[in-house]
Amino acid sequence: MRKIIAAHPTRGTVVLLTLAALALAGCAGNTPRQAVVIDPGNADQARHSPINPRRGDVVSRAEELLGTPYRYGGSNPGGFDCSGLVQYTHAQAGVRVPRVARAQRRYARQVPVSRLKPGDLVFFRLEGKTDHVGIYVGDGEFIHAPSSGKRVSRARLDSVYWRPRLIGAGSYLTVQ
């Protein structure tokens, strides 16, 4: 009969691994962090407060553009289509994003819908393919450029229309 002995790391190994992890964390970047004050009575605030200022920049810019007319192929404040709105708001925050919804989904870092943060992207299938995208702003809402004749507006992920069409989420922003 063969005896299996579990190997336990030595104290030196644990210290070395800890130092390596800290060194790698320091390489993750020196993006300035925004101070977040959380009201202990408001758990939702902690979940939806942007830590990375770029997340706040994307959401703020999208909110400023509410009411802008939809324009097919539009990618400026004169008019937007859905992916043009995403590309423009991210560019204003210094983040490069592909132009069309399908490429935005393909190249984004995948995010579980259950872990969405403000500034993440939500993708929808309307006609058999990834053909619509919006910017998640928190509390189950996203901002998007819906379609011809409409304007940049807010919508809810759990609405009867959008919930069955949601096919995924992604981000071009850091995890924070």
C-alpha atoms as a PDB file:
ATOM      1  CA  MET A   1       0.000   0.000   0.000  1.00  0.00           C
ATOM      2  CA  ARG A   2       1.326   3.374  -1.013  1.00  0.00           C
ATOM      3  CA  LYS A   3       1.238   6.344   1.339  1.00  0.00           C
ATOM      4  CA  ILE A   4       0.465   9.814  -0.065  1.00  0.00           C
ATOM      5  CA  ILE A   5       2.040  12.671   1.828  1.00  0.00           C
ATOM      6  CA  ALA A   6       0.758  16.173   1.180  1.00  0.00           C
ATOM      7  CA  ALA A   7       3.531  18.652   0.670  1.00  0.00           C
ATOM      8  CA  HIS A   8       3.273  21.820   2.724  1.00  0.00           C
ATOM      9  CA  PRO A   9       5.043  24.947   1.526  1.00  0.00           C
ATOM     10  CA  THR A  10       7.843  26.170   3.734  1.00  0.00           C
ATOM     11  CA  ARG A  11       7.673  29.602   5.308  1.00  0.00           C
ATOM     12  CA  GLY A  12      10.307  30.839   2.850  1.00  0.00           C
ATOM     13  CA  THR A  13       8.224  29.659  -0.096  1.00  0.00           C
ATOM     14  CA  VAL A  14       5.132  31.442   1.244  1.00  0.00           C
ATOM     15  CA  VAL A  15       7.106  34.674   1.756  1.00  0.00           C
ATOM     16  CA  LEU A  16       8.602  34.420  -1.737  1.00  0.00           C
ATOM     17  CA  LEU A  17       5.190  33.808  -3.337  1.00  0.00           C
ATOM     18  CA  THR A  18       3.670  36.716  -1.399  1.00  0.00           C
ATOM     19  CA  LEU A  19       6.439  39.084  -2.523  1.00  0.00           C
ATOM     20  CA  ALA A  20       6.037  37.926  -6.133  1.00  0.00           C
ATOM     21  CA  ALA A  21       2.285  38.535  -5.998  1.00  0.00           C
ATOM     22  CA  LEU A  22       2.831  42.027  -4.578  1.00  0.00           C
ATOM     23  CA  ALA A  23       5.392  42.820  -7.268  1.00  0.00           C
ATOM     24  CA  LEU A  24       3.005  41.682  -9.996  1.00  0.00           C
ATOM     25  CA  ALA A  25       0.171  43.706  -8.494  1.00  0.00           C
ATOM     26  CA  GLY A  26       2.392  46.770  -8.665  1.00  0.00           C
ATOM     27  CA  CYS A  27       2.858  46.130 -12.399  1.00  0.00           C
ATOM     28  CA  ALA A  28      -0.886  46.256 -12.965  1.00  0.00           C
ATOM     29  CA  GLY A  29      -0.670  49.967 -13.523  1.00  0.00           C
ATOM     30  CA  ASN A  30      -0.649  53.235 -11.724  1.00  0.00           C
ATOM     31  CA  THR A  31      -4.113  54.425 -12.694  1.00  0.00           C
ATOM     32  CA  PRO A  32      -5.187  56.995 -10.102  1.00  0.00           C
ATOM     33  CA  ARG A  33      -8.063  55.828  -7.970  1.00  0.00           C
ATOM     34  CA  GLN A  34     -11.062  57.942  -7.191  1.00  0.00           C
ATOM     35  CA  ALA A  35     -11.944  58.158  -3.525  1.00  0.00           C
ATOM     36  CA  VAL A  36     -15.290  56.498  -2.860  1.00  0.00           C
ATOM     37  CA  VAL A  37     -17.354  57.384   0.163  1.00  0.00           C
ATOM     38  CA  ILE A  38     -19.888  54.694   0.903  1.00  0.00           C
ATOM     39  CA  ASP A  39     -22.969  55.217   3.019  1.00  0.00           C
ATOM     40  CA  PRO A  40     -23.079  52.129   5.276  1.00  0.00           C
ATOM     41  CA  GLY A  41     -26.877  52.099   4.909  1.00  0.00           C
ATOM     42  CA  ASN A  42     -26.676  51.866   1.115  1.00  0.00           C
ATOM     43  CA  ALA A  43     -25.193  48.562  -0.050  1.00  0.00           C
ATOM     44  CA  ASP A  44     -26.065  49.354  -3.682  1.00  0.00           C
ATOM     45  CA  GLN A  45     -23.780  52.392  -3.624  1.00  0.00           C
ATOM     46  CA  ALA A  46     -20.773  50.180  -2.920  1.00  0.00           C
ATOM     47  CA  ARG A  47     -21.635  47.917  -5.830  1.00  0.00           C
ATOM     48  CA  HIS A  48     -22.187  50.739  -8.327  1.00  0.00           C
ATOM     49  CA  SER A  49     -19.603  53.359  -7.328  1.00  0.00           C
ATOM     50  CA  PRO A  50     -16.859  53.595  -9.916  1.00  0.00           C
ATOM     51  CA  ILE A  51     -13.365  53.148  -8.482  1.00  0.00           C
ATOM     52  CA  ASN A  52     -11.625  53.617 -11.820  1.00  0.00           C
ATOM     53  CA  PRO A  53     -12.176  57.230 -12.961  1.00  0.00           C
ATOM     54  CA  ARG A  54     -12.458  56.074 -16.582  1.00  0.00           C
ATOM     55  CA  ARG A  55     -15.628  54.159 -15.704  1.00  0.00           C
ATOM     56  CA  GLY A  56     -17.102  57.353 -14.303  1.00  0.00           C
ATOM     57  CA  ASP A  57     -15.975  59.289 -17.369  1.00  0.00           C
ATOM     58  CA  VAL A  58     -17.684  56.855 -19.770  1.00  0.00           C
ATOM     59  CA  VAL A  59     -20.935  56.896 -17.800  1.00  0.00           C
ATOM     60  CA  SER A  60     -20.927  60.690 -17.324  1.00  0.00           C
ATOM     61  CA  ARG A  61     -20.347  61.289 -21.015  1.00  0.00           C
ATOM     62  CA  ALA A  62     -23.120  58.839 -21.963  1.00  0.00           C
ATOM     63  CA  GLU A  63     -25.491  60.639 -19.574  1.00  0.00           C
ATOM     64  CA  GLU A  64     -24.578  64.006 -21.130  1.00  0.00           C
ATOM     65  CA  LEU A  65     -25.552  62.586 -24.528  1.00  0.00           C
ATOM     66  CA  LEU A  66     -29.052  61.494 -23.470  1.00  0.00           C
ATOM     67  CA  GLY A  67     -31.503  62.912 -25.991  1.00  0.00           C
ATOM     68  CA  THR A  68     -29.026  62.969 -28.896  1.00  0.00           C
ATOM     69  CA  PRO A  69     -30.766  61.768 -32.074  1.00  0.00           C
ATOM     70  CA  TYR A  70     -30.134  58.313 -33.494  1.00  0.00           C
ATOM     71  CA  ARG A  71     -28.258  58.382 -36.788  1.00  0.00           C
ATOM     72  CA  TYR A  72     -27.270  55.249 -38.671  1.00  0.00           C
ATOM     73  CA  GLY A  73     -23.462  55.182 -38.818  1.00  0.00           C
ATOM     74  CA  GLY A  74     -23.327  58.167 -36.453  1.00  0.00           C
ATOM     75  CA  SER A  75     -20.378  58.470 -34.110  1.00  0.00           C
ATOM     76  CA  ASN A  76     -20.461  62.088 -32.891  1.00  0.00           C
ATOM     77  CA  PRO A  77     -22.776  64.355 -30.877  1.00  0.00           C
ATOM     78  CA  GLY A  78     -24.653  65.232 -34.079  1.00  0.00           C
ATOM     79  CA  GLY A  79     -26.110  61.705 -33.977  1.00  0.00           C
ATOM     80  CA  PHE A  80     -25.171  58.189 -32.891  1.00  0.00           C
ATOM     81  CA  ASP A  81     -25.895  54.607 -33.668  1.00  0.00           C
ATOM     82  CA  CYS A  82     -25.395  52.176 -30.780  1.00  0.00           C
ATOM     83  CA  SER A  83     -21.775  51.242 -31.429  1.00  0.00           C
ATOM     84  CA  GLY A  84     -20.866  54.817 -32.368  1.00  0.00           C
ATOM     85  CA  LEU A  85     -22.103  55.943 -28.940  1.00  0.00           C
ATOM     86  CA  VAL A  86     -19.936  53.304 -27.241  1.00  0.00           C
ATOM     87  CA  GLN A  87     -16.886  54.172 -29.303  1.00  0.00           C
ATOM     88  CA  TYR A  88     -17.311  57.925 -28.744  1.00  0.00           C
ATOM     89  CA  THR A  89     -17.853  57.754 -24.964  1.00  0.00           C
ATOM     90  CA  HIS A  90     -14.868  55.469 -24.524  1.00  0.00           C
ATOM     91  CA  ALA A  91     -12.660  57.666 -26.728  1.00  0.00           C
ATOM     92  CA  GLN A  92     -13.582  60.646 -24.538  1.00  0.00           C
ATOM     93  CA  ALA A  93     -12.234  58.630 -21.594  1.00  0.00           C
ATOM     94  CA  GLY A  94      -9.048  57.739 -23.500  1.00  0.00           C
ATOM     95  CA  VAL A  95     -10.035  54.149 -24.316  1.00  0.00           C
ATOM     96  CA  ARG A  96      -9.944  52.733 -27.852  1.00  0.00           C
ATOM     97  CA  VAL A  97     -12.868  50.526 -28.846  1.00  0.00           C
ATOM     98  CA  PRO A  98     -13.701  48.950 -32.240  1.00  0.00           C
ATOM     99  CA  ARG A  99     -16.417  50.644 -34.302  1.00  0.00           C
ATOM    100  CA  VAL A 100     -19.155  48.003 -34.720  1.00  0.00           C
ATOM    101  CA  ALA A 101     -21.117  46.098 -32.050  1.00  0.00           C
ATOM    102  CA  ARG A 102     -19.987  42.647 -33.197  1.00  0.00           C
ATOM    103  CA  ALA A 103     -16.283  43.624 -32.981  1.00  0.00           C
ATOM    104  CA  GLN A 104     -16.862  45.421 -29.685  1.00  0.00           C
ATOM    105  CA  ARG A 105     -18.197  42.171 -28.238  1.00  0.00           C
ATOM    106  CA  ARG A 106     -15.518  40.011 -29.846  1.00  0.00           C
ATOM    107  CA  TYR A 107     -12.559  41.993 -28.501  1.00  0.00           C
ATOM    108  CA  ALA A 108     -13.951  43.002 -25.102  1.00  0.00           C
ATOM    109  CA  ARG A 109     -12.916  41.247 -21.919  1.00  0.00           C
ATOM    110  CA  GLN A 110     -15.945  39.108 -21.050  1.00  0.00           C
ATOM    111  CA  VAL A 111     -17.846  40.094 -17.922  1.00  0.00           C
ATOM    112  CA  PRO A 112     -20.531  37.975 -16.248  1.00  0.00           C
ATOM    113  CA  VAL A 113     -23.828  39.861 -16.420  1.00  0.00           C
ATOM    114  CA  SER A 114     -24.207  39.259 -12.681  1.00  0.00           C
ATOM    115  CA  ARG A 115     -20.999  41.282 -12.085  1.00  0.00           C
ATOM    116  CA  LEU A 116     -21.618  44.300 -14.297  1.00  0.00           C
ATOM    117  CA  LYS A 117     -20.057  47.593 -13.264  1.00  0.00           C
ATOM    118  CA  PRO A 118     -20.808  51.064 -14.589  1.00  0.00           C
ATOM    119  CA  GLY A 119     -19.045  51.568 -17.915  1.00  0.00           C
ATOM    120  CA  ASP A 120     -19.229  47.902 -18.941  1.00  0.00           C
ATOM    121  CA  LEU A 121     -20.951  47.043 -22.208  1.00  0.00           C
ATOM    122  CA  VAL A 122     -24.104  44.977 -22.647  1.00  0.00           C
ATOM    123  CA  PHE A 123     -24.701  43.156 -25.931  1.00  0.00           C
ATOM    124  CA  PHE A 124     -27.974  42.138 -27.534  1.00  0.00           C
ATOM    125  CA  ARG A 125     -29.145  39.923 -30.380  1.00  0.00           C
ATOM    126  CA  LEU A 126     -31.980  41.528 -32.319  1.00  0.00           C
ATOM    127  CA  GLU A 127     -31.793  39.872 -35.730  1.00  0.00           C
ATOM    128  CA  GLY A 128     -29.838  36.667 -35.223  1.00  0.00           C
ATOM    129  CA  LYS A 129     -26.429  38.217 -34.497  1.00  0.00           C
ATOM    130  CA  THR A 130     -24.753  40.626 -32.103  1.00  0.00           C
ATOM    131  CA  ASP A 131     -26.222  43.806 -33.444  1.00  0.00           C
ATOM    132  CA  HIS A 132     -26.885  46.083 -30.507  1.00  0.00           C
ATOM    133  CA  VAL A 133     -24.771  47.395 -27.642  1.00  0.00           C
ATOM    134  CA  GLY A 134     -25.332  49.675 -24.672  1.00  0.00           C
ATOM    135  CA  ILE A 135     -23.344  51.123 -21.771  1.00  0.00           C
ATOM    136  CA  TYR A 136     -24.248  49.786 -18.336  1.00  0.00           C
ATOM    137  CA  VAL A 137     -24.748  52.641 -15.848  1.00  0.00           C
ATOM    138  CA  GLY A 138     -25.764  50.737 -12.707  1.00  0.00           C
ATOM    139  CA  ASP A 139     -28.974  49.688 -10.976  1.00  0.00           C
ATOM    140  CA  GLY A 140     -29.954  47.454 -13.902  1.00  0.00           C
ATOM    141  CA  GLU A 141     -29.950  50.318 -16.420  1.00  0.00           C
ATOM    142  CA  PHE A 142     -28.006  50.987 -19.604  1.00  0.00           C
ATOM    143  CA  ILE A 143     -27.736  53.889 -22.027  1.00  0.00           C
ATOM    144  CA  HIS A 144     -27.958  53.219 -25.753  1.00  0.00           C
ATOM    145  CA  ALA A 145     -28.852  54.673 -29.139  1.00  0.00           C
ATOM    146  CA  PRO A 146     -31.952  52.580 -29.895  1.00  0.00           C
ATOM    147  CA  SER A 147     -32.987  52.956 -33.556  1.00  0.00           C
ATOM    148  CA  SER A 148     -34.084  55.339 -36.298  1.00  0.00           C
ATOM    149  CA  GLY A 149     -36.446  58.051 -35.151  1.00  0.00           C
ATOM    150  CA  LYS A 150     -35.415  57.648 -31.505  1.00  0.00           C
ATOM    151  CA  ARG A 151     -32.846  59.307 -29.269  1.00  0.00           C
ATOM    152  CA  VAL A 152     -30.046  58.178 -26.945  1.00  0.00           C
ATOM    153  CA  SER A 153     -31.923  56.961 -23.874  1.00  0.00           C
ATOM    154  CA  ARG A 154     -31.922  54.773 -20.778  1.00  0.00           C
ATOM    155  CA  ALA A 155     -33.407  51.302 -20.684  1.00  0.00           C
ATOM    156  CA  ARG A 156     -33.621  48.485 -18.151  1.00  0.00           C
ATOM    157  CA  LEU A 157     -31.900  45.142 -18.605  1.00  0.00           C
ATOM    158  CA  ASP A 158     -34.848  43.389 -16.983  1.00  0.00           C
ATOM    159  CA  SER A 159     -37.462  44.905 -19.289  1.00  0.00           C
ATOM    160  CA  VAL A 160     -39.746  42.561 -21.202  1.00  0.00           C
ATOM    161  CA  TYR A 161     -38.090  43.652 -24.452  1.00  0.00           C
ATOM    162  CA  TRP A 162     -34.365  43.647 -23.538  1.00  0.00           C
ATOM    163  CA  ARG A 163     -34.066  40.700 -21.099  1.00  0.00           C
ATOM    164  CA  PRO A 164     -34.603  37.914 -23.681  1.00  0.00           C
ATOM    165  CA  ARG A 165     -32.294  39.623 -26.172  1.00  0.00           C
ATOM    166  CA  LEU A 166     -29.319  40.079 -23.804  1.00  0.00           C
ATOM    167  CA  ILE A 167     -26.505  37.783 -24.970  1.00  0.00           C
ATOM    168  CA  GLY A 168     -23.540  38.925 -22.911  1.00  0.00           C
ATOM    169  CA  ALA A 169     -21.422  41.660 -21.426  1.00  0.00           C
ATOM    170  CA  GLY A 170     -17.879  42.857 -21.767  1.00  0.00           C
ATOM    171  CA  SER A 171     -15.543  45.682 -20.932  1.00  0.00           C
ATOM    172  CA  TYR A 172     -12.615  47.678 -22.245  1.00  0.00           C
ATOM    173  CA  LEU A 173     -12.074  49.219 -18.801  1.00  0.00           C
ATOM    174  CA  THR A 174      -9.925  47.852 -16.015  1.00  0.00           C
ATOM    175  CA  VAL A 175     -11.506  45.412 -13.615  1.00  0.00           C
ATOM    176  CA  GLN A 176     -11.638  47.889 -10.716  1.00  0.00           C
END
